[in-house]
Amino acid sequence: MSRIAHKVFYEGLVQGVGFRYTVKLIARGYEVAGWVRNLPDGRVELEVHGEQDEVLSFIDGIEKGELGSFIANCEKHEITPSGEARGFQIIF
């Protein structure tokens, strides 16, 4: 399997609705590591690392699950995976 990483920016009604907390809960169902945080411009930023199938399924789960109705737009970028990423957290 190959490790990949993605940085995703979500736009829409993604702050003040439990978005980050729900993303963290969703992450428990996947073998992924990373973090999620609010940005000052109203977007939410996600960075996720793991095996390709897990990362892509996790991102798909966010967009097609209950959070999908809050997302107006998402911008995805593949980034260089870090071998040191462990766990999933909310950054404040």
PDB file of N, CA and C in Angstrom:
ATOM      1  N   MET A   1       0.842  -1.186   0.000  1.00  0.00           N
ATOM      2  CA  MET A   1       0.000   0.000   0.000  1.00  0.00           C
ATOM      3  C   MET A   1       0.880   1.240   0.000  1.00  0.00           C
ATOM      4  N   SER A   2       0.342   2.309  -0.537  1.00  0.00           N
ATOM      5  CA  SER A   2       1.125   3.541  -0.563  1.00  0.00           C
ATOM      6  C   SER A   2       0.518   4.581   0.363  1.00  0.00           C
ATOM      7  N   ARG A   3       1.399   5.256   1.078  1.00  0.00           N
ATOM      8  CA  ARG A   3       0.964   6.336   1.972  1.00  0.00           C
ATOM      9  C   ARG A   3       0.814   7.610   1.169  1.00  0.00           C
ATOM     10  N   ILE A   4      -0.262   8.334   1.471  1.00  0.00           N
ATOM     11  CA  ILE A   4      -0.499   9.634   0.842  1.00  0.00           C
ATOM     12  C   ILE A   4      -0.918  10.617   1.922  1.00  0.00           C
ATOM     13  N   ALA A   5      -0.989  11.865   1.548  1.00  0.00           N
ATOM     14  CA  ALA A   5      -1.494  12.902   2.446  1.00  0.00           C
ATOM     15  C   ALA A   5      -2.232  13.941   1.616  1.00  0.00           C
ATOM     16  N   HIS A   6      -3.252  14.514   2.229  1.00  0.00           N
ATOM     17  CA  HIS A   6      -4.021  15.565   1.570  1.00  0.00           C
ATOM     18  C   HIS A   6      -4.242  16.716   2.532  1.00  0.00           C
ATOM     19  N   LYS A   7      -4.261  17.904   1.963  1.00  0.00           N
ATOM     20  CA  LYS A   7      -4.706  19.092   2.675  1.00  0.00           C
ATOM     21  C   LYS A   7      -5.997  19.500   1.990  1.00  0.00           C
ATOM     22  N   VAL A   8      -7.050  19.715   2.802  1.00  0.00           N
ATOM     23  CA  VAL A   8      -8.362  20.045   2.255  1.00  0.00           C
ATOM     24  C   VAL A   8      -8.865  21.305   2.940  1.00  0.00           C
ATOM     25  N   PHE A   9      -9.416  22.213   2.147  1.00  0.00           N
ATOM     26  CA  PHE A   9     -10.020  23.430   2.671  1.00  0.00           C
ATOM     27  C   PHE A   9     -11.511  23.365   2.377  1.00  0.00           C
ATOM     28  N   TYR A  10     -12.327  23.474   3.435  1.00  0.00           N
ATOM     29  CA  TYR A  10     -13.777  23.438   3.296  1.00  0.00           C
ATOM     30  C   TYR A  10     -14.342  24.842   3.464  1.00  0.00           C
ATOM     31  N   GLU A  11     -15.262  25.209   2.567  1.00  0.00           N
ATOM     32  CA  GLU A  11     -15.959  26.492   2.639  1.00  0.00           C
ATOM     33  C   GLU A  11     -17.446  26.236   2.784  1.00  0.00           C
ATOM     34  N   GLY A  12     -18.143  27.177   3.378  1.00  0.00           N
ATOM     35  CA  GLY A  12     -19.577  27.079   3.577  1.00  0.00           C
ATOM     36  C   GLY A  12     -19.893  27.397   5.017  1.00  0.00           C
ATOM     37  N   LEU A  13     -20.929  26.774   5.542  1.00  0.00           N
ATOM     38  CA  LEU A  13     -21.297  26.935   6.944  1.00  0.00           C
ATOM     39  C   LEU A  13     -20.533  25.874   7.733  1.00  0.00           C
ATOM     40  N   VAL A  14     -19.229  26.075   7.857  1.00  0.00           N
ATOM     41  CA  VAL A  14     -18.361  25.046   8.433  1.00  0.00           C
ATOM     42  C   VAL A  14     -17.761  25.448   9.785  1.00  0.00           C
ATOM     43  N   GLN A  15     -18.109  26.629  10.273  1.00  0.00           N
ATOM     44  CA  GLN A  15     -17.655  27.032  11.601  1.00  0.00           C
ATOM     45  C   GLN A  15     -18.873  27.288  12.471  1.00  0.00           C
ATOM     46  N   GLY A  16     -18.784  26.905  13.741  1.00  0.00           N
ATOM     47  CA  GLY A  16     -19.879  27.119  14.680  1.00  0.00           C
ATOM     48  C   GLY A  16     -20.982  26.084  14.595  1.00  0.00           C
ATOM     49  N   VAL A  17     -20.726  24.967  13.907  1.00  0.00           N
ATOM     50  CA  VAL A  17     -21.748  23.922  13.751  1.00  0.00           C
ATOM     51  C   VAL A  17     -21.234  22.547  14.199  1.00  0.00           C
ATOM     52  N   GLY A  18     -20.099  22.504  14.888  1.00  0.00           N
ATOM     53  CA  GLY A  18     -19.532  21.229  15.328  1.00  0.00           C
ATOM     54  C   GLY A  18     -18.778  20.490  14.242  1.00  0.00           C
ATOM     55  N   PHE A  19     -18.383  21.201  13.198  1.00  0.00           N
ATOM     56  CA  PHE A  19     -17.722  20.579  12.051  1.00  0.00           C
ATOM     57  C   PHE A  19     -16.434  19.873  12.465  1.00  0.00           C
ATOM     58  N   ARG A  20     -15.548  20.578  13.170  1.00  0.00           N
ATOM     59  CA  ARG A  20     -14.259  19.986  13.555  1.00  0.00           C
ATOM     60  C   ARG A  20     -14.456  18.774  14.461  1.00  0.00           C
ATOM     61  N   TYR A  21     -15.343  18.888  15.422  1.00  0.00           N
ATOM     62  CA  TYR A  21     -15.603  17.779  16.345  1.00  0.00           C
ATOM     63  C   TYR A  21     -16.119  16.563  15.580  1.00  0.00           C
ATOM     64  N   THR A  22     -17.031  16.786  14.645  1.00  0.00           N
ATOM     65  CA  THR A  22     -17.584  15.682  13.859  1.00  0.00           C
ATOM     66  C   THR A  22     -16.518  15.049  12.971  1.00  0.00           C
ATOM     67  N   VAL A  23     -15.634  15.871  12.381  1.00  0.00           N
ATOM     68  CA  VAL A  23     -14.535  15.328  11.583  1.00  0.00           C
ATOM     69  C   VAL A  23     -13.659  14.424  12.445  1.00  0.00           C
ATOM     70  N   LYS A  24     -13.384  14.856  13.670  1.00  0.00           N
ATOM     71  CA  LYS A  24     -12.568  14.031  14.581  1.00  0.00           C
ATOM     72  C   LYS A  24     -13.271  12.705  14.881  1.00  0.00           C
ATOM     73  N   LEU A  25     -14.570  12.742  15.087  1.00  0.00           N
ATOM     74  CA  LEU A  25     -15.328  11.503  15.324  1.00  0.00           C
ATOM     75  C   LEU A  25     -15.284  10.586  14.101  1.00  0.00           C
ATOM     76  N   ILE A  26     -15.430  11.152  12.921  1.00  0.00           N
ATOM     77  CA  ILE A  26     -15.374  10.362  11.683  1.00  0.00           C
ATOM     78  C   ILE A  26     -14.001   9.706  11.547  1.00  0.00           C
ATOM     79  N   ALA A  27     -12.951  10.439  11.920  1.00  0.00           N
ATOM     80  CA  ALA A  27     -11.579   9.920  11.795  1.00  0.00           C
ATOM     81  C   ALA A  27     -11.376   8.639  12.595  1.00  0.00           C
ATOM     82  N   ARG A  28     -12.139   8.459  13.674  1.00  0.00           N
ATOM     83  CA  ARG A  28     -12.003   7.244  14.492  1.00  0.00           C
ATOM     84  C   ARG A  28     -12.321   5.974  13.713  1.00  0.00           C
ATOM     85  N   GLY A  29     -13.113   6.115  12.662  1.00  0.00           N
ATOM     86  CA  GLY A  29     -13.494   4.958  11.857  1.00  0.00           C
ATOM     87  C   GLY A  29     -12.497   4.601  10.767  1.00  0.00           C
ATOM     88  N   TYR A  30     -11.403   5.348  10.703  1.00  0.00           N
ATOM     89  CA  TYR A  30     -10.408   5.134   9.653  1.00  0.00           C
ATOM     90  C   TYR A  30      -9.016   5.095  10.265  1.00  0.00           C
ATOM     91  N   GLU A  31      -8.112   4.454   9.581  1.00  0.00           N
ATOM     92  CA  GLU A  31      -6.714   4.431  10.018  1.00  0.00           C
ATOM     93  C   GLU A  31      -5.988   5.597   9.364  1.00  0.00           C
ATOM     94  N   VAL A  32      -6.266   6.788   9.910  1.00  0.00           N
ATOM     95  CA  VAL A  32      -5.668   8.011   9.405  1.00  0.00           C
ATOM     96  C   VAL A  32      -5.098   8.809  10.569  1.00  0.00           C
ATOM     97  N   ALA A  33      -4.219   9.732  10.243  1.00  0.00           N
ATOM     98  CA  ALA A  33      -3.660  10.650  11.225  1.00  0.00           C
ATOM     99  C   ALA A  33      -3.763  12.051  10.647  1.00  0.00           C
ATOM    100  N   GLY A  34      -3.796  13.048  11.522  1.00  0.00           N
ATOM    101  CA  GLY A  34      -3.820  14.417  11.036  1.00  0.00           C
ATOM    102  C   GLY A  34      -4.492  15.357  11.993  1.00  0.00           C
ATOM    103  N   TRP A  35      -5.018  16.432  11.438  1.00  0.00           N
ATOM    104  CA  TRP A  35      -5.636  17.463  12.261  1.00  0.00           C
ATOM    105  C   TRP A  35      -6.657  18.257  11.453  1.00  0.00           C
ATOM    106  N   VAL A  36      -7.485  19.011  12.175  1.00  0.00           N
ATOM    107  CA  VAL A  36      -8.481  19.883  11.573  1.00  0.00           C
ATOM    108  C   VAL A  36      -8.507  21.175  12.389  1.00  0.00           C
ATOM    109  N   ARG A  37      -8.690  22.321  11.709  1.00  0.00           N
ATOM    110  CA  ARG A  37      -8.729  23.602  12.424  1.00  0.00           C
ATOM    111  C   ARG A  37      -9.564  24.616  11.655  1.00  0.00           C
ATOM    112  N   ASN A  38     -10.098  25.596  12.410  1.00  0.00           N
ATOM    113  CA  ASN A  38     -10.777  26.728  11.803  1.00  0.00           C
ATOM    114  C   ASN A  38      -9.741  27.729  11.318  1.00  0.00           C
ATOM    115  N   LEU A  39     -10.052  28.401  10.225  1.00  0.00           N
ATOM    116  CA  LEU A  39      -9.202  29.467   9.702  1.00  0.00           C
ATOM    117  C   LEU A  39      -9.900  30.810   9.914  1.00  0.00           C
ATOM    118  N   PRO A  40      -9.150  31.878  10.058  1.00  0.00           N
ATOM    119  CA  PRO A  40      -9.750  33.196  10.292  1.00  0.00           C
ATOM    120  C   PRO A  40     -10.699  33.656   9.184  1.00  0.00           C
ATOM    121  N   ASP A  41     -10.546  33.144   7.970  1.00  0.00           N
ATOM    122  CA  ASP A  41     -11.403  33.567   6.852  1.00  0.00           C
ATOM    123  C   ASP A  41     -12.720  32.798   6.771  1.00  0.00           C
ATOM    124  N   GLY A  42     -13.009  31.952   7.783  1.00  0.00           N
ATOM    125  CA  GLY A  42     -14.280  31.216   7.819  1.00  0.00           C
ATOM    126  C   GLY A  42     -14.217  29.813   7.261  1.00  0.00           C
ATOM    127  N   ARG A  43     -13.084  29.435   6.682  1.00  0.00           N
ATOM    128  CA  ARG A  43     -12.931  28.070   6.173  1.00  0.00           C
ATOM    129  C   ARG A  43     -12.439  27.146   7.280  1.00  0.00           C
ATOM    130  N   VAL A  44     -12.494  25.850   6.997  1.00  0.00           N
ATOM    131  CA  VAL A  44     -11.899  24.834   7.866  1.00  0.00           C
ATOM    132  C   VAL A  44     -10.811  24.135   7.058  1.00  0.00           C
ATOM    133  N   GLU A  45      -9.658  23.928   7.690  1.00  0.00           N
ATOM    134  CA  GLU A  45      -8.525  23.269   7.049  1.00  0.00           C
ATOM    135  C   GLU A  45      -8.333  21.888   7.664  1.00  0.00           C
ATOM    136  N   LEU A  46      -8.132  20.900   6.814  1.00  0.00           N
ATOM    137  CA  LEU A  46      -7.920  19.516   7.231  1.00  0.00           C
ATOM    138  C   LEU A  46      -6.613  19.027   6.626  1.00  0.00           C
ATOM    139  N   GLU A  47      -5.807  18.361   7.433  1.00  0.00           N
ATOM    140  CA  GLU A  47      -4.638  17.656   6.903  1.00  0.00           C
ATOM    141  C   GLU A  47      -4.745  16.218   7.365  1.00  0.00           C
ATOM    142  N   VAL A  48      -4.616  15.290   6.428  1.00  0.00           N
ATOM    143  CA  VAL A  48      -4.792  13.874   6.752  1.00  0.00           C
ATOM    144  C   VAL A  48      -3.725  13.041   6.046  1.00  0.00           C
ATOM    145  N   HIS A  49      -3.181  12.060   6.784  1.00  0.00           N
ATOM    146  CA  HIS A  49      -2.129  11.162   6.294  1.00  0.00           C
ATOM    147  C   HIS A  49      -2.572   9.724   6.514  1.00  0.00           C
ATOM    148  N   GLY A  50      -2.149   8.829   5.623  1.00  0.00           N
ATOM    149  CA  GLY A  50      -2.433   7.410   5.802  1.00  0.00           C
ATOM    150  C   GLY A  50      -2.328   6.671   4.489  1.00  0.00           C
ATOM    151  N   GLU A  51      -2.775   5.422   4.516  1.00  0.00           N
ATOM    152  CA  GLU A  51      -2.813   4.623   3.299  1.00  0.00           C
ATOM    153  C   GLU A  51      -3.845   5.230   2.349  1.00  0.00           C
ATOM    154  N   GLN A  52      -3.581   5.134   1.069  1.00  0.00           N
ATOM    155  CA  GLN A  52      -4.415   5.785   0.071  1.00  0.00           C
ATOM    156  C   GLN A  52      -5.903   5.496   0.239  1.00  0.00           C
ATOM    157  N   ASP A  53      -6.273   4.227   0.361  1.00  0.00           N
ATOM    158  CA  ASP A  53      -7.690   3.876   0.487  1.00  0.00           C
ATOM    159  C   ASP A  53      -8.331   4.504   1.714  1.00  0.00           C
ATOM    160  N   GLU A  54      -7.610   4.512   2.833  1.00  0.00           N
ATOM    161  CA  GLU A  54      -8.142   5.074   4.074  1.00  0.00           C
ATOM    162  C   GLU A  54      -8.329   6.588   3.969  1.00  0.00           C
ATOM    163  N   VAL A  55      -7.332   7.273   3.440  1.00  0.00           N
ATOM    164  CA  VAL A  55      -7.408   8.735   3.311  1.00  0.00           C
ATOM    165  C   VAL A  55      -8.560   9.134   2.395  1.00  0.00           C
ATOM    166  N   LEU A  56      -8.636   8.517   1.235  1.00  0.00           N
ATOM    167  CA  LEU A  56      -9.679   8.885   0.284  1.00  0.00           C
ATOM    168  C   LEU A  56     -11.074   8.533   0.794  1.00  0.00           C
ATOM    169  N   SER A  57     -11.206   7.407   1.481  1.00  0.00           N
ATOM    170  CA  SER A  57     -12.502   7.022   2.059  1.00  0.00           C
ATOM    171  C   SER A  57     -12.901   7.973   3.181  1.00  0.00           C
ATOM    172  N   PHE A  58     -11.939   8.394   3.985  1.00  0.00           N
ATOM    173  CA  PHE A  58     -12.193   9.342   5.073  1.00  0.00           C
ATOM    174  C   PHE A  58     -12.701  10.673   4.517  1.00  0.00           C
ATOM    175  N   ILE A  59     -12.011  11.214   3.524  1.00  0.00           N
ATOM    176  CA  ILE A  59     -12.429  12.482   2.919  1.00  0.00           C
ATOM    177  C   ILE A  59     -13.817  12.333   2.293  1.00  0.00           C
ATOM    178  N   ASP A  60     -14.046  11.229   1.618  1.00  0.00           N
ATOM    179  CA  ASP A  60     -15.348  10.959   1.015  1.00  0.00           C
ATOM    180  C   ASP A  60     -16.434  10.859   2.090  1.00  0.00           C
ATOM    181  N   GLY A  61     -16.093  10.241   3.216  1.00  0.00           N
ATOM    182  CA  GLY A  61     -17.043  10.120   4.319  1.00  0.00           C
ATOM    183  C   GLY A  61     -17.449  11.470   4.895  1.00  0.00           C
ATOM    184  N   ILE A  62     -16.527  12.409   4.931  1.00  0.00           N
ATOM    185  CA  ILE A  62     -16.839  13.760   5.407  1.00  0.00           C
ATOM    186  C   ILE A  62     -17.813  14.421   4.436  1.00  0.00           C
ATOM    187  N   GLU A  63     -17.515  14.342   3.162  1.00  0.00           N
ATOM    188  CA  GLU A  63     -18.304  15.051   2.155  1.00  0.00           C
ATOM    189  C   GLU A  63     -19.670  14.426   1.910  1.00  0.00           C
ATOM    190  N   LYS A  64     -19.776  13.106   2.045  1.00  0.00           N
ATOM    191  CA  LYS A  64     -21.049  12.432   1.760  1.00  0.00           C
ATOM    192  C   LYS A  64     -21.875  12.169   3.006  1.00  0.00           C
ATOM    193  N   GLY A  65     -21.317  12.447   4.182  1.00  0.00           N
ATOM    194  CA  GLY A  65     -22.031  12.241   5.435  1.00  0.00           C
ATOM    195  C   GLY A  65     -22.836  13.467   5.828  1.00  0.00           C
ATOM    196  N   GLU A  66     -23.164  13.543   7.113  1.00  0.00           N
ATOM    197  CA  GLU A  66     -23.993  14.638   7.616  1.00  0.00           C
ATOM    198  C   GLU A  66     -23.349  16.007   7.431  1.00  0.00           C
ATOM    199  N   LEU A  67     -22.034  16.071   7.341  1.00  0.00           N
ATOM    200  CA  LEU A  67     -21.355  17.357   7.160  1.00  0.00           C
ATOM    201  C   LEU A  67     -21.481  17.896   5.743  1.00  0.00           C
ATOM    202  N   GLY A  68     -21.794  17.035   4.811  1.00  0.00           N
ATOM    203  CA  GLY A  68     -21.876  17.449   3.413  1.00  0.00           C
ATOM    204  C   GLY A  68     -22.824  18.605   3.169  1.00  0.00           C
ATOM    205  N   SER A  69     -23.896  18.686   3.948  1.00  0.00           N
ATOM    206  CA  SER A  69     -24.867  19.768   3.752  1.00  0.00           C
ATOM    207  C   SER A  69     -24.313  21.129   4.168  1.00  0.00           C
ATOM    208  N   PHE A  70     -23.242  21.151   4.952  1.00  0.00           N
ATOM    209  CA  PHE A  70     -22.627  22.407   5.382  1.00  0.00           C
ATOM    210  C   PHE A  70     -21.531  22.878   4.424  1.00  0.00           C
ATOM    211  N   ILE A  71     -21.080  21.997   3.542  1.00  0.00           N
ATOM    212  CA  ILE A  71     -19.950  22.300   2.661  1.00  0.00           C
ATOM    213  C   ILE A  71     -20.456  22.878   1.341  1.00  0.00           C
ATOM    214  N   ALA A  72     -20.034  24.114   1.055  1.00  0.00           N
ATOM    215  CA  ALA A  72     -20.387  24.742  -0.214  1.00  0.00           C
ATOM    216  C   ALA A  72     -19.319  24.470  -1.269  1.00  0.00           C
ATOM    217  N   ASN A  73     -18.077  24.326  -0.820  1.00  0.00           N
ATOM    218  CA  ASN A  73     -16.971  24.107  -1.739  1.00  0.00           C
ATOM    219  C   ASN A  73     -15.833  23.461  -0.962  1.00  0.00           C
ATOM    220  N   CYS A  74     -15.056  22.612  -1.632  1.00  0.00           N
ATOM    221  CA  CYS A  74     -13.849  22.084  -0.999  1.00  0.00           C
ATOM    222  C   CYS A  74     -12.722  22.074  -2.023  1.00  0.00           C
ATOM    223  N   GLU A  75     -11.550  22.395  -1.521  1.00  0.00           N
ATOM    224  CA  GLU A  75     -10.347  22.467  -2.346  1.00  0.00           C
ATOM    225  C   GLU A  75      -9.357  21.471  -1.782  1.00  0.00           C
ATOM    226  N   LYS A  76      -8.948  20.485  -2.597  1.00  0.00           N
ATOM    227  CA  LYS A  76      -8.060  19.412  -2.141  1.00  0.00           C
ATOM    228  C   LYS A  76      -6.701  19.521  -2.811  1.00  0.00           C
ATOM    229  N   HIS A  77      -5.674  19.278  -2.005  1.00  0.00           N
ATOM    230  CA  HIS A  77      -4.303  19.280  -2.518  1.00  0.00           C
ATOM    231  C   HIS A  77      -3.585  18.057  -1.971  1.00  0.00           C
ATOM    232  N   GLU A  78      -2.953  17.297  -2.833  1.00  0.00           N
ATOM    233  CA  GLU A  78      -2.111  16.199  -2.352  1.00  0.00           C
ATOM    234  C   GLU A  78      -0.793  16.809  -1.890  1.00  0.00           C
ATOM    235  N   ILE A  79      -0.332  16.398  -0.722  1.00  0.00           N
ATOM    236  CA  ILE A  79       0.914  16.902  -0.158  1.00  0.00           C
ATOM    237  C   ILE A  79       1.828  15.728   0.143  1.00  0.00           C
ATOM    238  N   THR A  80       3.058  16.013   0.496  1.00  0.00           N
ATOM    239  CA  THR A  80       4.012  14.962   0.826  1.00  0.00           C
ATOM    240  C   THR A  80       3.647  14.359   2.180  1.00  0.00           C
ATOM    241  N   PRO A  81       3.447  13.035   2.253  1.00  0.00           N
ATOM    242  CA  PRO A  81       3.090  12.423   3.532  1.00  0.00           C
ATOM    243  C   PRO A  81       4.243  12.471   4.523  1.00  0.00           C
ATOM    244  N   SER A  82       3.867  12.602   5.774  1.00  0.00           N
ATOM    245  CA  SER A  82       4.834  12.608   6.860  1.00  0.00           C
ATOM    246  C   SER A  82       4.749  11.272   7.575  1.00  0.00           C
ATOM    247  N   GLY A  83       5.859  10.629   7.760  1.00  0.00           N
ATOM    248  CA  GLY A  83       5.875   9.351   8.462  1.00  0.00           C
ATOM    249  C   GLY A  83       5.687   9.502   9.954  1.00  0.00           C
ATOM    250  N   GLU A  84       5.704  10.726  10.447  1.00  0.00           N
ATOM    251  CA  GLU A  84       5.621  10.962  11.883  1.00  0.00           C
ATOM    252  C   GLU A  84       4.213  11.265  12.376  1.00  0.00           C
ATOM    253  N   ALA A  85       3.257  11.414  11.484  1.00  0.00           N
ATOM    254  CA  ALA A  85       1.898  11.762  11.894  1.00  0.00           C
ATOM    255  C   ALA A  85       1.268  10.628  12.698  1.00  0.00           C
ATOM    256  N   ARG A  86       0.746  10.962  13.861  1.00  0.00           N
ATOM    257  CA  ARG A  86       0.080   9.980  14.727  1.00  0.00           C
ATOM    258  C   ARG A  86      -1.198  10.599  15.295  1.00  0.00           C
ATOM    259  N   GLY A  87      -2.261   9.825  15.328  1.00  0.00           N
ATOM    260  CA  GLY A  87      -3.507  10.289  15.918  1.00  0.00           C
ATOM    261  C   GLY A  87      -4.184  11.365  15.068  1.00  0.00           C
ATOM    262  N   PHE A  88      -5.343  11.806  15.537  1.00  0.00           N
ATOM    263  CA  PHE A  88      -6.079  12.849  14.853  1.00  0.00           C
ATOM    264  C   PHE A  88      -6.547  13.835  15.896  1.00  0.00           C
ATOM    265  N   GLN A  89      -6.333  15.116  15.646  1.00  0.00           N
ATOM    266  CA  GLN A  89      -6.671  16.111  16.657  1.00  0.00           C
ATOM    267  C   GLN A  89      -7.293  17.363  16.068  1.00  0.00           C
ATOM    268  N   ILE A  90      -7.954  18.105  16.935  1.00  0.00           N
ATOM    269  CA  ILE A  90      -8.463  19.424  16.603  1.00  0.00           C
ATOM    270  C   ILE A  90      -7.415  20.420  17.058  1.00  0.00           C
ATOM    271  N   ILE A  91      -7.038  21.306  16.180  1.00  0.00           N
ATOM    272  CA  ILE A  91      -6.089  22.367  16.534  1.00  0.00           C
ATOM    273  C   ILE A  91      -6.892  23.630  16.793  1.00  0.00           C
ATOM    274  N   PHE A  92      -6.627  24.275  17.912  1.00  0.00           N
ATOM    275  CA  PHE A  92      -7.336  25.508  18.269  1.00  0.00           C
ATOM    276  C   PHE A  92      -6.477  26.714  18.023  1.00  0.00           C
TER     277      PHE A  92
END
